[in-house]
C-alpha cells in the first residue's frame, strides 16, 4: 500500500505519540511460545481424552455416513436414469454388423486359408512375403 494524500488523511503526530506511549513495542517483547503450547494442551486435553476413550467399530463409521450417503446415492441413481433414458438409438452402422452366420458362411481368401491351416509349414519369411504381395 502506498500513501495517497488526496485519499488518506495526514498522520497525526500527537496521536501517534500517545499510541506509542500506551501500547507496548512489539519488537521488545518476544512471544511466549511455550506458554501458548501449554494453554493449547490444557484446553485440548479433555477433548482428546474423550476421543481416545471412544473406540468405534467399523459399522459405527458406516452408520454415521449412511445419513448423507443414502440421499446422494438416490440422486446419483436418478441422474443415471435420466442420462440413460436419453440415449439415442443405436447407430445404423452398428445395427448392420454381420451376424455369426454371415461371418462363418463367407468365403475365406486363399492367403488367409493357407495361413490358418498351413501356417506352421510356412517359414516366417515366406508368410511375410505372401502377406505383402497378396492381391485383394
N, C-alpha and C. Protein backbone atom coordinates (compact mmCIF):
# COMPACT_ATOMS: atom_id res chain seq x y z
N UNK A 1 0.83 -1.17 0.00
CA UNK A 1 0.00 0.00 0.00
C UNK A 1 0.88 1.23 0.00
N UNK A 2 0.37 2.24 -0.62
CA UNK A 2 1.12 3.48 -0.66
C UNK A 2 0.27 4.59 -0.07
N UNK A 3 0.92 5.62 0.33
CA UNK A 3 0.23 6.77 0.91
C UNK A 3 -0.23 7.69 -0.21
N UNK A 4 -1.53 7.93 -0.27
CA UNK A 4 -2.10 8.84 -1.26
C UNK A 4 -2.69 10.04 -0.52
N UNK A 5 -2.07 11.20 -0.61
CA UNK A 5 -2.51 12.36 0.19
C UNK A 5 -3.94 12.80 -0.11
N UNK A 6 -4.40 12.64 -1.36
CA UNK A 6 -5.76 13.08 -1.68
C UNK A 6 -6.83 12.14 -1.10
N UNK A 7 -6.47 10.89 -0.82
CA UNK A 7 -7.44 9.93 -0.29
C UNK A 7 -7.22 9.64 1.20
N UNK A 8 -5.98 9.61 1.64
CA UNK A 8 -5.66 9.28 3.03
C UNK A 8 -5.38 10.54 3.82
N UNK A 9 -5.89 10.60 5.06
CA UNK A 9 -5.58 11.79 5.88
C UNK A 9 -4.13 11.76 6.34
N UNK A 10 -3.62 12.91 6.65
CA UNK A 10 -2.24 13.00 7.13
C UNK A 10 -2.16 12.40 8.53
N UNK A 11 -1.08 11.66 8.84
CA UNK A 11 -0.96 11.09 10.18
C UNK A 11 -0.80 12.20 11.22
N UNK A 12 -1.45 11.96 12.36
CA UNK A 12 -1.40 12.94 13.45
C UNK A 12 -0.23 12.58 14.36
N UNK A 13 0.77 13.43 14.46
CA UNK A 13 1.94 13.09 15.27
C UNK A 13 1.62 13.01 16.77
N UNK A 14 0.70 13.83 17.24
CA UNK A 14 0.35 13.80 18.67
C UNK A 14 -0.35 12.48 19.01
N UNK A 15 -1.30 12.04 18.15
CA UNK A 15 -1.99 10.77 18.37
C UNK A 15 -1.00 9.61 18.30
N UNK A 16 -0.07 9.66 17.37
CA UNK A 16 0.94 8.62 17.26
C UNK A 16 1.79 8.53 18.51
N UNK A 17 2.15 9.66 19.09
CA UNK A 17 2.97 9.66 20.31
C UNK A 17 2.20 9.04 21.46
N UNK A 18 0.91 9.38 21.60
CA UNK A 18 0.08 8.80 22.67
C UNK A 18 -0.07 7.27 22.50
N UNK A 19 -0.28 6.82 21.25
CA UNK A 19 -0.41 5.38 21.00
C UNK A 19 0.88 4.64 21.33
N UNK A 20 2.02 5.22 20.98
CA UNK A 20 3.31 4.58 21.29
C UNK A 20 3.54 4.52 22.79
N UNK A 21 3.03 5.52 23.53
CA UNK A 21 3.20 5.53 24.99
C UNK A 21 2.32 4.46 25.64
N UNK A 22 1.12 4.23 25.11
CA UNK A 22 0.18 3.29 25.73
C UNK A 22 0.45 1.84 25.30
N UNK A 23 0.69 1.62 24.03
CA UNK A 23 0.87 0.27 23.51
C UNK A 23 2.33 -0.15 23.62
N UNK A 24 2.57 -1.42 23.98
CA UNK A 24 3.97 -1.85 24.07
C UNK A 24 4.56 -2.02 22.67
N UNK A 25 5.86 -1.92 22.63
CA UNK A 25 6.58 -2.09 21.37
C UNK A 25 6.63 -3.59 21.06
N UNK A 26 6.09 -4.03 19.91
CA UNK A 26 6.07 -5.46 19.63
C UNK A 26 7.46 -6.08 19.48
N UNK A 27 8.44 -5.31 19.04
CA UNK A 27 9.78 -5.85 18.86
C UNK A 27 10.47 -6.10 20.21
N UNK A 28 10.04 -5.39 21.26
CA UNK A 28 10.68 -5.53 22.57
C UNK A 28 10.22 -6.78 23.29
N UNK A 29 9.06 -7.31 22.98
CA UNK A 29 8.51 -8.47 23.69
C UNK A 29 8.51 -9.69 22.77
N UNK A 30 9.24 -10.71 23.16
CA UNK A 30 9.27 -11.96 22.38
C UNK A 30 8.02 -12.77 22.72
N UNK A 31 7.45 -13.46 21.75
CA UNK A 31 6.25 -14.26 22.05
C UNK A 31 6.58 -15.44 22.96
N UNK A 32 5.65 -15.78 23.80
CA UNK A 32 5.81 -16.89 24.75
C UNK A 32 5.24 -18.15 24.11
N UNK A 33 6.06 -18.82 23.30
CA UNK A 33 5.58 -20.00 22.57
C UNK A 33 5.31 -21.16 23.51
N UNK A 34 6.12 -21.32 24.53
CA UNK A 34 5.91 -22.41 25.48
C UNK A 34 4.60 -22.23 26.24
N UNK A 35 4.31 -21.01 26.63
CA UNK A 35 3.05 -20.73 27.32
C UNK A 35 1.86 -21.00 26.41
N UNK A 36 1.97 -20.61 25.13
CA UNK A 36 0.89 -20.86 24.17
C UNK A 36 0.67 -22.35 24.01
N UNK A 37 1.76 -23.11 23.87
CA UNK A 37 1.64 -24.57 23.76
C UNK A 37 0.96 -25.18 24.98
N UNK A 38 1.34 -24.71 26.16
CA UNK A 38 0.76 -25.24 27.40
C UNK A 38 -0.74 -24.92 27.48
N UNK A 39 -1.12 -23.71 27.11
CA UNK A 39 -2.55 -23.34 27.14
C UNK A 39 -3.35 -24.16 26.14
N UNK A 40 -2.79 -24.38 24.95
CA UNK A 40 -3.48 -25.21 23.96
C UNK A 40 -3.62 -26.65 24.44
N UNK A 41 -2.56 -27.17 25.05
CA UNK A 41 -2.58 -28.54 25.56
C UNK A 41 -3.63 -28.69 26.65
N UNK A 42 -3.74 -27.69 27.54
CA UNK A 42 -4.74 -27.73 28.62
C UNK A 42 -6.15 -27.71 28.06
N UNK A 43 -6.39 -26.85 27.10
CA UNK A 43 -7.75 -26.74 26.54
C UNK A 43 -8.14 -27.98 25.73
N UNK A 44 -7.19 -28.64 25.10
CA UNK A 44 -7.50 -29.78 24.25
C UNK A 44 -7.46 -31.11 25.00
N UNK A 45 -6.98 -31.12 26.23
CA UNK A 45 -6.80 -32.38 26.95
C UNK A 45 -8.11 -33.14 27.12
N UNK A 46 -9.18 -32.46 27.52
CA UNK A 46 -10.45 -33.14 27.74
C UNK A 46 -11.02 -33.71 26.44
N UNK A 47 -10.98 -32.93 25.38
CA UNK A 47 -11.50 -33.41 24.09
C UNK A 47 -10.68 -34.59 23.57
N UNK A 48 -9.38 -34.52 23.70
CA UNK A 48 -8.52 -35.61 23.23
C UNK A 48 -8.73 -36.88 24.06
N UNK A 49 -8.90 -36.72 25.37
CA UNK A 49 -9.15 -37.90 26.21
C UNK A 49 -10.47 -38.55 25.85
N UNK A 50 -11.48 -37.75 25.57
CA UNK A 50 -12.78 -38.29 25.18
C UNK A 50 -12.66 -39.05 23.85
N UNK A 51 -11.90 -38.53 22.92
CA UNK A 51 -11.70 -39.22 21.64
C UNK A 51 -10.92 -40.52 21.82
N UNK A 52 -9.95 -40.53 22.72
CA UNK A 52 -9.17 -41.74 22.94
C UNK A 52 -10.02 -42.84 23.57
N UNK A 53 -10.96 -42.47 24.45
CA UNK A 53 -11.82 -43.46 25.09
C UNK A 53 -12.82 -44.06 24.14
N UNK A 54 -13.28 -43.30 23.17
CA UNK A 54 -14.31 -43.78 22.25
C UNK A 54 -13.68 -44.59 21.14
N UNK A 55 -13.70 -45.89 21.28
CA UNK A 55 -13.25 -46.76 20.21
C UNK A 55 -14.51 -47.20 19.46
N UNK A 56 -14.60 -46.82 18.22
CA UNK A 56 -15.79 -47.13 17.43
C UNK A 56 -15.50 -48.29 16.50
N UNK A 57 -16.50 -49.13 16.33
CA UNK A 57 -16.38 -50.24 15.40
C UNK A 57 -16.60 -49.72 13.97
N UNK A 58 -16.23 -50.51 12.99
CA UNK A 58 -16.32 -50.07 11.60
C UNK A 58 -17.77 -49.78 11.21
N UNK A 59 -18.73 -50.53 11.75
CA UNK A 59 -20.12 -50.31 11.34
C UNK A 59 -20.67 -49.00 11.91
N UNK A 60 -20.05 -48.50 12.98
CA UNK A 60 -20.48 -47.21 13.51
C UNK A 60 -20.06 -46.08 12.56
N UNK A 61 -18.90 -46.22 11.94
CA UNK A 61 -18.49 -45.24 10.93
C UNK A 61 -19.42 -45.31 9.72
N UNK A 62 -19.74 -46.54 9.30
CA UNK A 62 -20.65 -46.70 8.15
C UNK A 62 -22.02 -46.14 8.47
N UNK A 63 -22.51 -46.35 9.68
CA UNK A 63 -23.82 -45.83 10.07
C UNK A 63 -23.80 -44.30 10.11
N UNK A 64 -22.69 -43.73 10.51
CA UNK A 64 -22.58 -42.27 10.54
C UNK A 64 -22.63 -41.68 9.14
N UNK A 65 -22.07 -42.42 8.17
CA UNK A 65 -22.08 -41.94 6.79
C UNK A 65 -23.37 -42.28 6.06
N UNK A 66 -24.20 -43.13 6.62
CA UNK A 66 -25.43 -43.56 5.93
C UNK A 66 -26.38 -42.39 5.72
N UNK A 67 -26.49 -41.52 6.68
CA UNK A 67 -27.45 -40.42 6.56
C UNK A 67 -27.16 -39.53 5.34
N UNK A 68 -25.93 -39.07 5.10
CA UNK A 68 -25.70 -38.28 3.89
C UNK A 68 -25.51 -39.13 2.64
N UNK A 69 -25.10 -40.39 2.80
CA UNK A 69 -24.79 -41.21 1.63
C UNK A 69 -26.04 -41.71 0.92
N UNK A 70 -27.08 -42.03 1.65
CA UNK A 70 -28.29 -42.58 1.02
C UNK A 70 -28.95 -41.55 0.09
N UNK A 71 -29.18 -40.31 0.51
CA UNK A 71 -29.73 -39.34 -0.45
C UNK A 71 -28.82 -39.09 -1.64
N UNK A 72 -27.51 -39.10 -1.41
CA UNK A 72 -26.59 -38.89 -2.53
C UNK A 72 -26.68 -40.05 -3.51
N UNK A 73 -26.82 -41.27 -3.01
CA UNK A 73 -26.95 -42.43 -3.90
C UNK A 73 -28.27 -42.38 -4.67
N UNK A 74 -29.33 -41.95 -4.02
CA UNK A 74 -30.63 -41.83 -4.71
C UNK A 74 -30.54 -40.77 -5.81
N UNK A 75 -29.91 -39.65 -5.50
CA UNK A 75 -29.75 -38.59 -6.51
C UNK A 75 -28.90 -39.07 -7.68
N UNK A 76 -27.83 -39.81 -7.40
CA UNK A 76 -26.97 -40.33 -8.47
C UNK A 76 -27.74 -41.33 -9.33
N UNK A 77 -28.56 -42.18 -8.69
CA UNK A 77 -29.35 -43.15 -9.46
C UNK A 77 -30.37 -42.45 -10.34
N UNK A 78 -31.00 -41.40 -9.81
CA UNK A 78 -31.97 -40.65 -10.62
C UNK A 78 -31.29 -39.97 -11.80
N UNK A 79 -30.12 -39.40 -11.56
CA UNK A 79 -29.38 -38.76 -12.64
C UNK A 79 -28.97 -39.78 -13.70
N UNK A 80 -28.53 -40.94 -13.26
CA UNK A 80 -28.15 -42.00 -14.19
C UNK A 80 -29.35 -42.46 -15.01
N UNK A 81 -30.51 -42.57 -14.37
CA UNK A 81 -31.72 -42.98 -15.10
C UNK A 81 -32.10 -41.94 -16.15
N UNK A 82 -31.94 -40.66 -15.82
CA UNK A 82 -32.27 -39.61 -16.79
C UNK A 82 -31.29 -39.65 -17.95
N UNK A 83 -30.00 -39.80 -17.64
CA UNK A 83 -28.98 -39.81 -18.70
C UNK A 83 -29.15 -41.03 -19.60
N UNK A 84 -29.36 -42.20 -19.01
CA UNK A 84 -29.51 -43.41 -19.82
C UNK A 84 -30.84 -43.42 -20.56
N UNK A 85 -31.83 -42.75 -20.02
CA UNK A 85 -33.13 -42.68 -20.70
C UNK A 85 -33.07 -41.83 -21.95
N UNK A 86 -32.10 -40.95 -22.04
CA UNK A 86 -31.98 -40.06 -23.20
C UNK A 86 -30.97 -40.55 -24.22
N UNK A 87 -30.53 -41.78 -24.13
CA UNK A 87 -29.57 -42.31 -25.09
C UNK A 87 -30.21 -42.37 -26.47
N UNK A 88 -29.49 -41.97 -27.51
CA UNK A 88 -30.04 -42.04 -28.87
C UNK A 88 -30.13 -43.49 -29.34
N UNK A 89 -30.85 -43.68 -30.40
CA UNK A 89 -30.97 -45.01 -31.00
C UNK A 89 -29.59 -45.46 -31.46
N UNK A 90 -29.35 -46.78 -31.52
CA UNK A 90 -28.04 -47.24 -31.98
C UNK A 90 -27.76 -46.78 -33.40
N UNK A 91 -26.51 -46.54 -33.67
CA UNK A 91 -26.12 -46.09 -35.00
C UNK A 91 -26.41 -47.18 -36.03
N UNK A 92 -26.79 -46.79 -37.24
CA UNK A 92 -27.09 -47.80 -38.24
C UNK A 92 -25.89 -48.69 -38.56
N UNK A 93 -24.69 -48.13 -38.51
CA UNK A 93 -23.51 -48.93 -38.82
C UNK A 93 -23.35 -50.06 -37.80
N UNK A 94 -23.69 -49.80 -36.55
CA UNK A 94 -23.59 -50.83 -35.54
C UNK A 94 -24.71 -51.85 -35.68
N UNK A 95 -25.88 -51.40 -36.14
CA UNK A 95 -27.01 -52.32 -36.28
C UNK A 95 -26.82 -53.24 -37.48
N UNK A 96 -26.01 -52.85 -38.45
CA UNK A 96 -25.84 -53.64 -39.67
C UNK A 96 -24.57 -54.49 -39.63
N UNK A 97 -24.05 -54.75 -38.48
CA UNK A 97 -22.87 -55.61 -38.39
C UNK A 97 -23.24 -57.01 -38.83
N UNK A 98 -22.32 -57.71 -39.46
CA UNK A 98 -22.64 -59.07 -39.91
C UNK A 98 -22.84 -60.00 -38.72
N UNK A 99 -23.76 -60.91 -38.87
CA UNK A 99 -24.03 -61.88 -37.83
C UNK A 99 -23.07 -63.05 -37.92
N UNK A 100 -23.22 -64.01 -37.02
CA UNK A 100 -22.34 -65.17 -36.97
C UNK A 100 -22.48 -66.01 -38.24
N UNK A 101 -23.71 -66.15 -38.73
CA UNK A 101 -23.93 -66.94 -39.95
C UNK A 101 -23.24 -66.31 -41.14
N UNK A 102 -23.28 -64.96 -41.23
CA UNK A 102 -22.64 -64.26 -42.34
C UNK A 102 -21.12 -64.45 -42.30
N UNK A 103 -20.56 -64.39 -41.11
CA UNK A 103 -19.12 -64.50 -40.98
C UNK A 103 -18.66 -65.92 -41.29
N UNK A 104 -19.37 -66.92 -40.75
CA UNK A 104 -18.95 -68.30 -40.96
C UNK A 104 -19.25 -68.79 -42.38
N UNK A 105 -20.24 -68.20 -43.03
CA UNK A 105 -20.59 -68.62 -44.37
C UNK A 105 -19.82 -67.92 -45.47
N UNK A 106 -19.05 -66.89 -45.14
CA UNK A 106 -18.31 -66.13 -46.15
C UNK A 106 -17.10 -66.93 -46.63
N UNK A 107 -16.75 -66.75 -47.89
CA UNK A 107 -15.57 -67.46 -48.39
C UNK A 107 -14.28 -66.89 -47.78
N UNK A 108 -13.33 -67.76 -47.53
CA UNK A 108 -12.05 -67.36 -46.95
C UNK A 108 -11.04 -67.21 -48.09
N UNK A 109 -10.36 -66.04 -48.18
CA UNK A 109 -9.33 -65.88 -49.22
C UNK A 109 -8.23 -66.92 -49.06
N UNK A 110 -7.57 -67.21 -50.17
CA UNK A 110 -6.57 -68.29 -50.22
C UNK A 110 -5.43 -68.05 -49.24
N UNK A 111 -4.96 -66.79 -49.15
CA UNK A 111 -3.85 -66.50 -48.26
C UNK A 111 -4.24 -66.74 -46.81
N UNK A 112 -5.40 -66.28 -46.42
CA UNK A 112 -5.84 -66.47 -45.04
C UNK A 112 -6.03 -67.96 -44.74
N UNK A 113 -6.53 -68.71 -45.73
CA UNK A 113 -6.70 -70.15 -45.54
C UNK A 113 -5.34 -70.83 -45.34
N UNK A 114 -4.39 -70.43 -46.17
CA UNK A 114 -3.06 -71.01 -46.05
C UNK A 114 -2.42 -70.67 -44.70
N UNK A 115 -2.60 -69.42 -44.27
CA UNK A 115 -2.00 -69.02 -43.00
C UNK A 115 -2.68 -69.72 -41.83
N UNK A 116 -3.98 -69.96 -41.95
CA UNK A 116 -4.68 -70.64 -40.87
C UNK A 116 -4.30 -72.11 -40.76
N UNK A 117 -4.32 -72.81 -41.89
CA UNK A 117 -4.16 -74.26 -41.84
C UNK A 117 -2.76 -74.74 -42.20
N UNK A 118 -2.00 -73.94 -42.91
CA UNK A 118 -0.66 -74.36 -43.27
C UNK A 118 0.37 -73.41 -42.67
N UNK A 119 -0.05 -72.60 -41.70
CA UNK A 119 0.84 -71.59 -41.13
C UNK A 119 2.06 -72.18 -40.48
N UNK A 120 1.94 -73.35 -39.89
CA UNK A 120 3.10 -73.94 -39.24
C UNK A 120 4.10 -74.46 -40.26
N UNK A 121 3.61 -74.81 -41.47
CA UNK A 121 4.51 -75.33 -42.51
C UNK A 121 5.27 -74.20 -43.18
N UNK A 122 4.73 -72.96 -43.16
CA UNK A 122 5.40 -71.83 -43.79
C UNK A 122 6.44 -71.25 -42.83
N UNK A 123 7.55 -70.80 -43.42
CA UNK A 123 8.52 -70.10 -42.58
C UNK A 123 8.02 -68.68 -42.34
N UNK A 124 8.60 -68.01 -41.40
CA UNK A 124 8.18 -66.65 -41.07
C UNK A 124 8.39 -65.73 -42.26
N UNK A 125 9.52 -65.87 -42.96
CA UNK A 125 9.80 -65.02 -44.12
C UNK A 125 8.82 -65.30 -45.25
N UNK A 126 8.52 -66.56 -45.46
CA UNK A 126 7.61 -66.93 -46.54
C UNK A 126 6.20 -66.40 -46.25
N UNK A 127 5.76 -66.49 -45.02
CA UNK A 127 4.43 -65.98 -44.64
C UNK A 127 4.38 -64.47 -44.79
N UNK A 128 5.47 -63.78 -44.44
CA UNK A 128 5.52 -62.33 -44.57
C UNK A 128 5.48 -61.91 -46.04
N UNK A 129 6.22 -62.59 -46.88
CA UNK A 129 6.22 -62.27 -48.31
C UNK A 129 4.84 -62.53 -48.92
N UNK A 130 4.21 -63.62 -48.55
CA UNK A 130 2.87 -63.92 -49.10
C UNK A 130 1.87 -62.88 -48.64
N UNK A 131 1.98 -62.40 -47.41
CA UNK A 131 1.05 -61.39 -46.93
C UNK A 131 1.31 -60.05 -47.60
N UNK A 132 2.59 -59.74 -47.91
CA UNK A 132 2.94 -58.45 -48.50
C UNK A 132 2.48 -58.39 -49.96
N UNK A 133 2.60 -59.50 -50.70
CA UNK A 133 2.28 -59.46 -52.12
C UNK A 133 0.89 -60.02 -52.46
N UNK A 134 0.10 -60.29 -51.45
CA UNK A 134 -1.24 -60.83 -51.67
C UNK A 134 -2.12 -59.76 -52.29
N UNK A 135 -2.79 -60.07 -53.36
CA UNK A 135 -3.68 -59.12 -54.02
C UNK A 135 -5.11 -59.38 -53.58
N UNK A 136 -5.80 -58.35 -53.29
CA UNK A 136 -7.20 -58.49 -52.87
C UNK A 136 -8.10 -58.25 -54.05
